[in-house]
Amino acid sequence: MGHINWDDFRIALQVAVSGTLTKAGSTLNMNHTTVLRHVNQLEAALNIKLFIRHQRGYQLTDAGKIMLKQVPTIEARFNHLVNDLTSMEEDEHGNLRITTLNGYAPLLNDAVDKFRKIYPKTRIQMLATEETIPIETGSAHISIRVGPQPSGPDIIVKKIMSLNVDFYASDTYIKQHGFPKSVREYNQHFWAMPTGGKQGIPFIKSVLTHLENEQIVYQSNLFSDLHSIIAKGMAIGPMAEHEARLYENVQPLKLKLDQSEEVLWFVYHKDLKNNAKINAFYRYMSESLMG
């Protein structure tokens, strides 16, 4: 057996979860060539195949299935050890790792600025991703999530704020096309909508179910892409109130949406409930967003 690198295991595990090199690389912020190199290194060191390569992705061998079952537990224990060593309540040094959805990291900037003035020796590590990173694995100290209230026996969940979502149009669009006053008028307009799982978000679905496909003129998996299209006057699309403040020329349509409340949540592990740095970051974030 050759030299075993823990990073190779971590990266191979992400390939097992994601199914392809490209998806794993996107989550890990690596190109697929680097991901493949780590997988090959691990298989060479173990002298065993973990994956069967085929055109649709990477399928696990029996050895790969054992890795998929056992490595997350080992990784969680390792990460908790790191947390214990680097996130001591009285220690200003170390890292504070935060995961959040793409596009939401700027919401944390004021809190980061205040936090750094109190803990100047602490490094902030931000991971923005479309995937939910389980806080229980120890991969992050704080998770900023959107949607239904997260649940689990080992996490603490605090509400930060309601996002007050609506559909917006630019002044240019409204001047040219007006705006829909009822469901019956939805298909008289052009729309910018998200793709994939985001179509299941209640306030998105409440409009999508009434739209004909040809009225959806722009789609993206990133809300930030939709926002730029809305601001240019090409279509109507979804925004939260805090996002709309970044644009001077957009107006909420105040549609009567069949939706559940969209909420921003602050999530961390119960073992860190008395951690001074985490509590300070929550306080600064609440103050900056709620005034």
Protein backbone atom coordinates (compact mmCIF):
# COMPACT_ATOMS: atom_id res chain seq x y z
CA MET A 1 0.00 0.00 0.00
CA GLY A 2 1.32 3.43 -0.96
CA HIS A 3 1.12 6.72 0.91
CA ILE A 4 -2.50 7.63 1.73
CA ASN A 5 -3.50 11.30 1.55
CA TRP A 6 -6.64 12.28 3.46
CA ASP A 7 -7.47 14.92 0.85
CA ASP A 8 -7.64 12.15 -1.76
CA PHE A 9 -10.29 10.40 0.34
CA ARG A 10 -12.23 13.63 0.84
CA ILE A 11 -12.25 14.41 -2.88
CA ALA A 12 -13.09 10.84 -3.89
CA LEU A 13 -16.00 10.93 -1.46
CA GLN A 14 -17.36 14.04 -3.18
CA VAL A 15 -17.13 12.25 -6.55
CA ALA A 16 -19.10 9.36 -5.04
CA VAL A 17 -21.78 11.76 -3.79
CA SER A 18 -21.90 13.95 -6.91
CA GLY A 19 -21.61 11.20 -9.49
CA THR A 20 -19.34 13.08 -11.91
CA LEU A 21 -15.96 14.80 -11.82
CA THR A 22 -17.47 18.07 -13.03
CA LYS A 23 -20.12 18.23 -10.30
CA ALA A 24 -17.62 17.25 -7.62
CA GLY A 25 -15.20 19.88 -8.88
CA SER A 26 -17.91 22.55 -8.78
CA THR A 27 -18.64 21.76 -5.13
CA LEU A 28 -14.94 21.64 -4.21
CA ASN A 29 -13.98 24.68 -6.32
CA MET A 30 -11.56 22.54 -8.34
CA ASN A 31 -11.31 21.75 -12.03
CA HIS A 32 -12.20 18.20 -13.05
CA THR A 33 -8.58 17.40 -13.97
CA THR A 34 -7.45 18.06 -10.40
CA VAL A 35 -10.31 15.97 -9.03
CA LEU A 36 -9.37 13.09 -11.35
CA ARG A 37 -5.73 13.29 -10.25
CA HIS A 38 -6.71 12.88 -6.59
CA VAL A 39 -8.99 9.93 -7.38
CA ASN A 40 -6.26 8.23 -9.40
CA GLN A 41 -3.72 8.84 -6.60
CA LEU A 42 -6.01 7.24 -4.03
CA GLU A 43 -6.76 4.20 -6.17
CA ALA A 44 -3.06 3.76 -6.91
CA ALA A 45 -2.13 4.04 -3.22
CA LEU A 46 -4.81 1.50 -2.24
CA ASN A 47 -4.14 -0.67 -5.31
CA ILE A 48 -7.90 -1.04 -5.78
CA LYS A 49 -10.61 0.48 -7.96
CA LEU A 50 -13.19 2.64 -6.20
CA PHE A 51 -15.08 3.67 -9.34
CA ILE A 52 -16.22 2.23 -12.65
CA ARG A 53 -15.93 4.95 -15.26
CA HIS A 54 -18.68 5.29 -17.88
CA GLN A 55 -20.09 8.06 -20.05
CA ARG A 56 -22.85 9.02 -17.60
CA GLY A 57 -20.52 9.40 -14.64
CA TYR A 58 -18.68 7.44 -11.96
CA GLN A 59 -20.28 4.28 -10.54
CA LEU A 60 -19.05 2.85 -7.25
CA THR A 61 -17.37 -0.54 -7.01
CA ASP A 62 -17.90 -2.66 -3.88
CA ALA A 63 -14.80 -1.04 -2.39
CA GLY A 64 -16.19 2.38 -3.31
CA LYS A 65 -19.43 1.59 -1.49
CA ILE A 66 -17.45 0.81 1.67
CA MET A 67 -15.67 4.16 1.29
CA LEU A 68 -19.01 5.98 0.83
CA LYS A 69 -20.37 4.37 4.01
CA GLN A 70 -17.38 4.84 6.32
CA VAL A 71 -15.49 7.96 5.22
CA PRO A 72 -18.22 10.50 6.24
CA THR A 73 -18.07 9.22 9.83
CA ILE A 74 -14.27 9.46 9.86
CA GLU A 75 -14.41 12.91 8.26
CA ALA A 76 -16.93 14.15 10.83
CA ARG A 77 -14.76 12.97 13.72
CA PHE A 78 -11.69 14.54 12.13
CA ASN A 79 -13.48 17.86 11.54
CA HIS A 80 -14.80 17.95 15.08
CA LEU A 81 -11.25 17.42 16.33
CA VAL A 82 -10.11 20.34 14.18
CA ASN A 83 -12.99 22.44 15.52
CA ASP A 84 -12.02 21.63 19.09
CA LEU A 85 -8.42 22.61 18.40
CA THR A 86 -8.98 25.75 16.31
CA SER A 87 -12.25 27.17 17.64
CA MET A 88 -11.58 27.31 21.36
CA GLU A 89 -13.84 29.93 22.92
CA GLU A 90 -10.98 31.89 24.38
CA ASP A 91 -8.72 31.61 21.32
CA GLU A 92 -8.62 34.47 18.79
CA HIS A 93 -6.58 32.42 16.33
CA GLY A 94 -7.80 29.82 13.87
CA ASN A 95 -10.53 29.84 11.24
CA LEU A 96 -14.24 30.54 11.16
CA ARG A 97 -15.72 28.51 8.30
CA ILE A 98 -19.08 29.63 6.95
CA THR A 99 -21.16 28.01 4.22
CA THR A 100 -24.02 29.72 2.42
CA LEU A 101 -25.87 29.73 -0.89
CA ASN A 102 -24.44 31.40 -3.96
CA GLY A 103 -25.36 35.08 -3.93
CA TYR A 104 -25.87 35.35 -0.17
CA ALA A 105 -22.26 35.87 0.92
CA PRO A 106 -22.52 39.70 0.45
CA LEU A 107 -25.23 39.76 3.13
CA LEU A 108 -22.57 38.75 5.62
CA ASN A 109 -20.08 41.50 4.79
CA ASP A 110 -21.08 43.95 7.54
CA ALA A 111 -21.01 41.15 10.12
CA VAL A 112 -17.59 40.02 8.85
CA ASP A 113 -16.26 43.58 9.14
CA LYS A 114 -17.45 44.00 12.75
CA PHE A 115 -16.30 40.50 13.68
CA ARG A 116 -12.78 41.10 12.34
CA LYS A 117 -12.42 44.20 14.51
CA ILE A 118 -13.00 42.07 17.61
CA TYR A 119 -11.17 38.96 16.39
CA PRO A 120 -8.46 40.30 14.04
CA LYS A 121 -6.44 37.09 14.17
CA THR A 122 -9.32 34.87 13.07
CA ARG A 123 -9.51 34.02 9.36
CA ILE A 124 -12.92 33.90 7.69
CA GLN A 125 -13.35 31.08 5.19
CA MET A 126 -16.51 31.39 3.06
CA LEU A 127 -17.91 28.52 0.99
CA ALA A 128 -20.72 29.61 -1.34
CA THR A 129 -22.44 26.64 -2.96
CA GLU A 130 -25.81 25.51 -4.29
CA GLU A 131 -25.57 22.35 -2.17
CA THR A 132 -26.47 22.15 1.50
CA ILE A 133 -23.36 21.26 3.50
CA PRO A 134 -24.47 19.30 6.60
CA ILE A 135 -23.21 21.16 9.64
CA GLU A 136 -23.02 17.82 11.46
CA THR A 137 -20.00 16.80 9.38
CA GLY A 138 -17.92 19.58 10.92
CA SER A 139 -17.02 20.94 7.47
CA ALA A 140 -18.24 24.38 8.56
CA HIS A 141 -18.81 26.14 11.87
CA ILE A 142 -21.80 28.15 10.59
CA SER A 143 -24.32 27.48 7.85
CA ILE A 144 -26.52 30.29 6.49
CA ARG A 145 -29.56 28.65 4.92
CA VAL A 146 -32.72 29.76 3.13
CA GLY A 147 -36.13 28.10 3.04
CA PRO A 148 -37.91 25.80 5.50
CA GLN A 149 -36.52 25.68 9.03
CA PRO A 150 -33.62 23.19 9.18
CA SER A 151 -34.00 20.37 11.68
CA GLY A 152 -31.77 17.79 13.32
CA PRO A 153 -30.85 16.54 16.78
CA ASP A 154 -27.32 18.00 16.72
CA ILE A 155 -27.91 21.51 15.40
CA ILE A 156 -29.02 24.86 16.78
CA VAL A 157 -31.17 26.95 14.43
CA LYS A 158 -31.83 30.68 14.79
CA LYS A 159 -33.99 32.83 12.54
CA ILE A 160 -32.18 35.84 11.14
CA MET A 161 -34.93 37.47 9.06
CA SER A 162 -37.78 36.96 6.61
CA LEU A 163 -36.68 37.62 3.05
CA ASN A 164 -39.93 39.25 1.81
CA VAL A 165 -39.83 37.80 -1.68
CA ASP A 166 -41.83 39.08 -4.64
CA PHE A 167 -41.65 39.30 -8.42
CA TYR A 168 -40.03 42.46 -9.74
CA ALA A 169 -39.93 44.35 -13.03
CA SER A 170 -37.83 47.31 -14.11
CA ASP A 171 -39.30 50.73 -14.80
CA THR A 172 -38.43 50.17 -18.48
CA TYR A 173 -40.36 46.90 -18.62
CA ILE A 174 -43.38 48.36 -16.84
CA LYS A 175 -43.44 51.37 -19.16
CA GLN A 176 -43.38 49.11 -22.21
CA HIS A 177 -45.51 46.17 -21.07
CA GLY A 178 -47.29 47.17 -17.89
CA PHE A 179 -47.49 44.44 -15.27
CA PRO A 180 -49.88 41.55 -14.55
CA LYS A 181 -52.72 42.43 -12.22
CA SER A 182 -54.06 38.87 -11.95
CA VAL A 183 -53.18 35.26 -12.77
CA ARG A 184 -55.11 35.56 -16.04
CA GLU A 185 -52.59 38.15 -17.26
CA TYR A 186 -49.42 36.17 -16.46
CA ASN A 187 -49.12 34.80 -20.00
CA GLN A 188 -49.28 38.28 -21.48
CA HIS A 189 -45.79 38.93 -20.06
CA PHE A 190 -42.20 37.71 -20.28
CA TRP A 191 -40.56 35.97 -17.31
CA ALA A 192 -37.07 35.11 -16.04
CA MET A 193 -37.16 31.94 -13.94
CA PRO A 194 -34.73 29.59 -12.13
CA THR A 195 -33.97 26.06 -13.25
CA GLY A 196 -33.73 22.71 -11.47
CA GLY A 197 -34.74 22.26 -7.87
CA LYS A 198 -35.35 25.99 -7.40
CA GLN A 199 -38.53 25.61 -9.43
CA GLY A 200 -39.99 23.80 -6.42
CA ILE A 201 -39.62 26.84 -4.13
CA PRO A 202 -43.24 27.68 -3.18
CA PHE A 203 -43.29 31.31 -4.37
CA ILE A 204 -41.63 30.30 -7.67
CA LYS A 205 -43.97 27.36 -8.19
CA SER A 206 -47.02 29.53 -7.49
CA VAL A 207 -46.29 31.49 -10.69
CA LEU A 208 -44.68 28.74 -12.80
CA THR A 209 -47.79 26.55 -12.65
CA HIS A 210 -49.72 29.25 -14.53
CA LEU A 211 -47.10 30.02 -17.21
CA GLU A 212 -46.81 28.70 -20.74
CA ASN A 213 -43.25 27.69 -21.63
CA GLU A 214 -42.88 30.29 -24.38
CA GLN A 215 -43.42 33.11 -21.87
CA ILE A 216 -40.30 32.08 -19.94
CA VAL A 217 -37.67 33.86 -22.03
CA TYR A 218 -34.67 33.41 -19.71
CA GLN A 219 -33.61 30.73 -17.23
CA SER A 220 -30.58 30.26 -14.99
CA ASN A 221 -29.58 28.20 -11.97
CA LEU A 222 -28.31 31.41 -10.31
CA PHE A 223 -30.70 34.06 -8.99
CA SER A 224 -28.00 36.68 -9.54
CA ASP A 225 -28.24 36.02 -13.30
CA LEU A 226 -32.00 36.50 -13.17
CA HIS A 227 -31.59 39.79 -11.32
CA SER A 228 -29.43 41.30 -14.05
CA ILE A 229 -32.00 40.33 -16.69
CA ILE A 230 -34.80 41.87 -14.61
CA ALA A 231 -32.85 45.10 -14.16
CA LYS A 232 -32.22 45.31 -17.92
CA GLY A 233 -35.96 45.28 -18.54
CA MET A 234 -36.09 41.98 -20.41
CA ALA A 235 -38.49 40.15 -18.11
CA ILE A 236 -40.27 39.87 -14.78
CA GLY A 237 -38.52 37.73 -12.18
CA PRO A 238 -38.07 36.83 -8.52
CA MET A 239 -36.14 38.87 -5.97
CA ALA A 240 -35.98 39.25 -2.23
CA GLU A 241 -36.41 42.73 -0.79
CA HIS A 242 -32.74 43.04 0.23
CA GLU A 243 -31.67 42.09 -3.30
CA ALA A 244 -34.00 44.61 -4.93
CA ARG A 245 -32.37 47.43 -2.93
CA LEU A 246 -29.27 46.98 -5.08
CA TYR A 247 -31.17 48.23 -8.12
CA GLU A 248 -32.72 51.69 -8.37
CA ASN A 249 -34.99 50.88 -11.29
CA VAL A 250 -36.97 47.83 -10.18
CA GLN A 251 -40.45 47.70 -8.64
CA PRO A 252 -42.25 44.89 -6.79
CA LEU A 253 -45.44 43.74 -8.51
CA LYS A 254 -46.96 42.77 -5.14
CA LEU A 255 -48.49 39.64 -6.57
CA LYS A 256 -50.71 37.58 -4.31
CA LEU A 257 -48.51 34.51 -4.15
CA ASP A 258 -49.37 31.09 -2.78
CA GLN A 259 -46.18 30.71 -0.79
CA SER A 260 -44.60 29.72 2.46
CA GLU A 261 -42.44 32.30 4.20
CA GLU A 262 -38.87 32.43 2.91
CA VAL A 263 -36.54 32.77 5.89
CA LEU A 264 -32.79 33.21 6.36
CA TRP A 265 -31.51 30.81 9.04
CA PHE A 266 -28.32 30.73 11.13
CA VAL A 267 -27.29 27.11 11.85
CA TYR A 268 -24.44 25.70 13.94
CA HIS A 269 -23.60 22.55 15.90
CA LYS A 270 -24.92 22.20 19.43
CA ASP A 271 -21.39 21.47 20.70
CA LEU A 272 -20.51 25.07 19.79
CA LYS A 273 -23.45 26.72 21.56
CA ASN A 274 -21.15 28.57 23.98
CA ASN A 275 -18.52 29.48 21.40
CA ALA A 276 -17.88 33.21 21.75
CA LYS A 277 -16.91 33.74 18.11
CA ILE A 278 -20.02 32.07 16.72
CA ASN A 279 -22.30 33.95 19.10
CA ALA A 280 -20.56 37.22 18.20
CA PHE A 281 -20.98 36.59 14.48
CA TYR A 282 -24.70 35.85 14.95
CA ARG A 283 -25.11 39.06 16.96
CA TYR A 284 -23.33 41.19 14.34
CA MET A 285 -25.27 39.58 11.50
CA SER A 286 -28.60 40.14 13.22
CA GLU A 287 -27.73 43.76 13.94
CA SER A 288 -26.62 44.47 10.36
CA LEU A 289 -29.64 42.85 8.70
CA MET A 290 -32.41 43.72 11.15
CA GLY A 291 -31.13 47.15 12.16
